[in-house]
Protein backbone atom coordinates (compact mmCIF):
# COMPACT_ATOMS: atom_id res chain seq x y z
CA UNK A 1 0.00 0.00 0.00
CA UNK A 2 2.90 2.26 0.49
CA UNK A 3 3.33 2.15 -3.24
CA UNK A 4 0.07 3.99 -3.79
CA UNK A 5 0.86 6.95 -1.52
CA UNK A 6 3.83 9.12 -1.00
CA UNK A 7 4.52 9.32 2.72
CA UNK A 8 6.37 12.33 3.99
CA UNK A 9 8.54 12.46 7.08
CA UNK A 10 5.64 12.99 9.45
CA UNK A 11 4.01 9.76 8.32
CA UNK A 12 0.93 11.28 6.72
CA UNK A 13 0.19 10.18 3.20
CA UNK A 14 -0.12 12.86 0.51
CA UNK A 15 -3.17 12.68 -1.76
CA UNK A 16 -2.64 11.86 -5.44
CA UNK A 17 -2.45 14.82 -7.74
CA UNK A 18 -4.87 15.01 -10.65
CA UNK A 19 -3.26 14.94 -14.12
CA UNK A 20 -3.61 18.28 -15.94
CA UNK A 21 -6.59 18.58 -18.25
CA UNK A 22 -5.80 18.82 -21.95
CA UNK A 23 -5.91 22.36 -23.22
CA UNK A 24 -8.67 23.39 -25.59
CA UNK A 25 -6.11 25.21 -27.72
CA UNK A 26 -7.86 28.55 -27.76
CA UNK A 27 -5.09 30.18 -29.80
CA UNK A 28 -5.82 27.91 -32.74
CA UNK A 29 -9.52 28.63 -32.58
CA UNK A 30 -8.88 32.37 -32.37
CA UNK A 31 -6.58 32.27 -35.40
CA UNK A 32 -9.08 30.12 -37.27
CA UNK A 33 -11.84 32.63 -36.48
CA UNK A 34 -9.71 35.55 -37.66
CA UNK A 35 -8.82 33.78 -40.92
CA UNK A 36 -12.46 32.86 -41.45
CA UNK A 37 -13.48 36.48 -40.83
CA UNK A 38 -10.90 37.74 -43.32
CA UNK A 39 -12.15 35.19 -45.85
CA UNK A 40 -15.78 36.26 -45.36
CA UNK A 41 -14.78 39.95 -45.67
CA UNK A 42 -12.89 39.17 -48.89
CA UNK A 43 -15.97 37.42 -50.32
CA UNK A 44 -18.16 40.40 -49.36
CA UNK A 45 -15.69 42.83 -50.95
CA UNK A 46 -15.59 40.73 -54.14
CA UNK A 47 -19.39 40.64 -54.37
CA UNK A 48 -19.56 44.40 -53.69
CA UNK A 49 -17.02 45.01 -56.45
CA UNK A 50 -18.89 42.83 -58.94
CA UNK A 51 -22.32 44.26 -58.13
CA UNK A 52 -21.63 47.96 -57.54
CA UNK A 53 -18.22 49.19 -58.69
CA UNK A 54 -17.75 47.21 -61.92
CA UNK A 55 -21.09 48.25 -63.51
CA UNK A 56 -20.44 51.90 -62.63
CA UNK A 57 -17.01 51.83 -64.26
CA UNK A 58 -18.49 50.16 -67.35
CA UNK A 59 -21.15 52.89 -67.58
CA UNK A 60 -18.46 55.58 -67.25
CA UNK A 61 -16.35 53.88 -69.91
CA UNK A 62 -19.36 53.64 -72.26
CA UNK A 63 -20.13 57.35 -71.70
CA UNK A 64 -16.50 58.25 -72.41
CA UNK A 65 -16.51 56.18 -75.61
CA UNK A 66 -19.76 57.86 -76.72
CA UNK A 67 -18.21 61.29 -76.06
CA UNK A 68 -15.08 60.41 -78.05
CA UNK A 69 -17.21 59.09 -80.92
CA UNK A 70 -19.30 62.30 -80.91
CA UNK A 71 -16.14 64.44 -80.99
CA UNK A 72 -14.69 62.36 -83.82
CA UNK A 73 -17.95 62.63 -85.78
CA UNK A 74 -17.98 66.41 -85.33
CA UNK A 75 -14.36 66.62 -86.47
CA UNK A 76 -15.02 64.52 -89.56
CA UNK A 77 -18.11 66.60 -90.40
CA UNK A 78 -16.11 69.84 -90.08
CA UNK A 79 -13.29 68.50 -92.25
CA UNK A 80 -15.75 67.24 -94.85
CA UNK A 81 -17.47 70.63 -94.94
CA UNK A 82 -14.12 72.39 -95.29
CA UNK A 83 -13.04 70.04 -98.05
CA UNK A 84 -16.33 70.63 -99.90
CA UNK A 85 -15.86 74.40 -99.75
CA UNK A 86 -12.40 74.28 -101.35
CA UNK A 87 -12.26 74.61 -105.14
CA UNK A 88 -11.77 71.35 -106.91
CA UNK A 89 -8.93 70.83 -109.31
CA UNK A 90 -9.88 69.97 -112.85
CA UNK A 91 -7.74 67.77 -114.98
CA UNK A 92 -6.39 69.47 -118.07
CA UNK A 93 -4.78 67.55 -120.82
CA UNK A 94 -1.37 68.71 -121.92
CA UNK A 95 -0.72 68.08 -125.59
CA UNK A 96 2.33 65.91 -126.20
CA UNK A 97 5.32 67.60 -127.74
CA UNK A 98 7.06 65.85 -130.57
CA UNK A 99 10.69 66.57 -129.90
CA UNK A 100 13.08 63.84 -130.68
CA UNK A 101 16.24 63.46 -128.68
CA UNK A 102 19.09 61.62 -130.27
CA UNK A 103 20.27 58.57 -128.34
CA UNK A 104 23.97 58.05 -128.03
CA UNK A 105 25.50 54.77 -129.03
CA UNK A 106 27.68 53.03 -126.46
CA UNK A 107 31.39 53.53 -126.87
CA UNK A 108 34.05 50.90 -126.58
CA UNK A 109 35.99 52.68 -123.82
CA UNK A 110 37.18 50.23 -121.15
CA UNK A 111 36.37 50.94 -117.50
CA UNK A 112 39.51 51.24 -115.41
CA UNK A 113 37.95 51.47 -111.96
CA UNK A 114 39.37 49.00 -109.51
CA UNK A 115 37.78 47.94 -106.26
CA UNK A 116 39.35 49.31 -103.10
CA UNK A 117 39.08 47.73 -99.70
CA UNK A 118 37.82 49.62 -96.72
CA UNK A 119 40.67 48.24 -94.63
CA UNK A 120 43.21 49.89 -96.92
CA UNK A 121 41.40 53.21 -96.57
CA UNK A 122 41.29 52.88 -92.77
CA UNK A 123 44.99 52.00 -92.62
CA UNK A 124 45.84 55.22 -94.39
CA UNK A 125 43.98 57.26 -91.76
CA UNK A 126 45.13 58.20 -88.31
CA UNK A 127 44.46 55.26 -85.89
CA UNK A 128 42.22 57.40 -83.70
CA UNK A 129 40.22 58.53 -86.71
CA UNK A 130 40.04 54.95 -87.98
CA UNK A 131 38.61 53.79 -84.66
CA UNK A 132 36.01 56.53 -84.69
CA UNK A 133 35.12 55.75 -88.30
CA UNK A 134 34.73 52.06 -87.49
CA UNK A 135 32.52 52.85 -84.50
CA UNK A 136 30.37 55.20 -86.58
CA UNK A 137 30.01 52.50 -89.23
CA UNK A 138 28.90 49.98 -86.59
CA UNK A 139 26.44 52.49 -85.16
CA UNK A 140 24.98 53.14 -88.62
CA UNK A 141 24.60 49.41 -89.22
CA UNK A 142 22.94 49.00 -85.81
CA UNK A 143 20.32 51.60 -86.74
CA UNK A 144 19.49 49.72 -89.90
CA UNK A 145 18.99 46.40 -88.21
CA UNK A 146 15.53 45.72 -86.92
CA UNK A 147 15.11 44.83 -83.33
CA UNK A 148 12.14 42.80 -82.33
CA UNK A 149 10.17 44.02 -79.38
CA UNK A 150 7.01 42.92 -77.68
CA UNK A 151 3.88 43.30 -79.72
CA UNK A 152 0.57 44.51 -78.41
CA UNK A 153 -1.07 41.13 -78.97
CA UNK A 154 1.27 39.16 -76.75
CA UNK A 155 -0.12 37.95 -73.45
CA UNK A 156 1.18 36.00 -70.54
CA UNK A 157 1.46 32.26 -71.07
CA UNK A 158 -1.39 30.21 -69.71
CA UNK A 159 0.77 27.80 -67.75
CA UNK A 160 0.27 27.26 -64.09
CA UNK A 161 -1.97 25.79 -61.47
CA UNK A 162 -4.25 28.84 -61.21
CA UNK A 163 -4.82 28.81 -64.98
CA UNK A 164 -5.89 25.15 -64.88
CA UNK A 165 -8.10 25.28 -61.78
CA UNK A 166 -9.31 28.89 -61.79
CA UNK A 167 -10.38 31.14 -58.91
CA UNK A 168 -13.43 29.05 -57.86
CA UNK A 169 -11.25 25.95 -57.72
CA UNK A 170 -8.68 27.72 -55.54
CA UNK A 171 -11.42 28.90 -53.16
CA UNK A 172 -12.80 25.35 -53.01
CA UNK A 173 -9.38 23.90 -52.26
CA UNK A 174 -8.89 26.51 -49.51
CA UNK A 175 -12.18 25.56 -47.86
CA UNK A 176 -11.35 21.86 -48.18
CA UNK A 177 -7.94 22.34 -46.54
CA UNK A 178 -9.51 24.35 -43.68
CA UNK A 179 -12.01 21.51 -43.09
CA UNK A 180 -9.14 18.99 -43.06
CA UNK A 181 -7.23 21.11 -40.53
CA UNK A 182 -10.28 21.36 -38.24
CA UNK A 183 -11.00 17.61 -38.45
CA UNK A 184 -7.38 16.66 -37.73
CA UNK A 185 -7.30 18.98 -34.70
CA UNK A 186 -10.52 17.47 -33.35
CA UNK A 187 -9.23 13.93 -33.87
CA UNK A 188 -6.02 14.77 -32.01
CA UNK A 189 -7.95 16.41 -29.18
CA UNK A 190 -10.27 13.37 -28.85
CA UNK A 191 -7.31 10.95 -28.89
CA UNK A 192 -5.63 12.81 -25.98
CA UNK A 193 -8.73 12.70 -23.72
């Protein structure tokens, strides 16, 4: 029986201490509530944007397009009116003149021009001037070469998880993972008790 009780020096047995109760893990529940609140607020903001703000911006954009079209129509009408008020040019026919010009026959003179190399010309120049001339030639060639840049029709590639699943799929996966987290926490808490 002495094994069941701890006996102190006075000979009185000490009562057994109760094991501590498992914690309810309030911090996790608080964090879960905050994340859930943020998620609900994000959904409310998204619905508000889709129902109120987006239609207003579309109406403003349509009004702006109508205004631009009206201004363009007025400009075209004014230019058409101005063009109609200008005198029109009439085509007059010029009589052909019959003057004959004698054509020269080719001569048998040989051409004595010989090709020269650019390197020979550069060697005859001062080395500093030759360097500058070479750099200017390279710069002129660089201006003539076309460089390809991004075009207006290019878009981002459609590769990635979000492109395959989409926003509703990501929201669904988020909810599913939150449910899994809650179930695992409950199973752990029930296994400890």
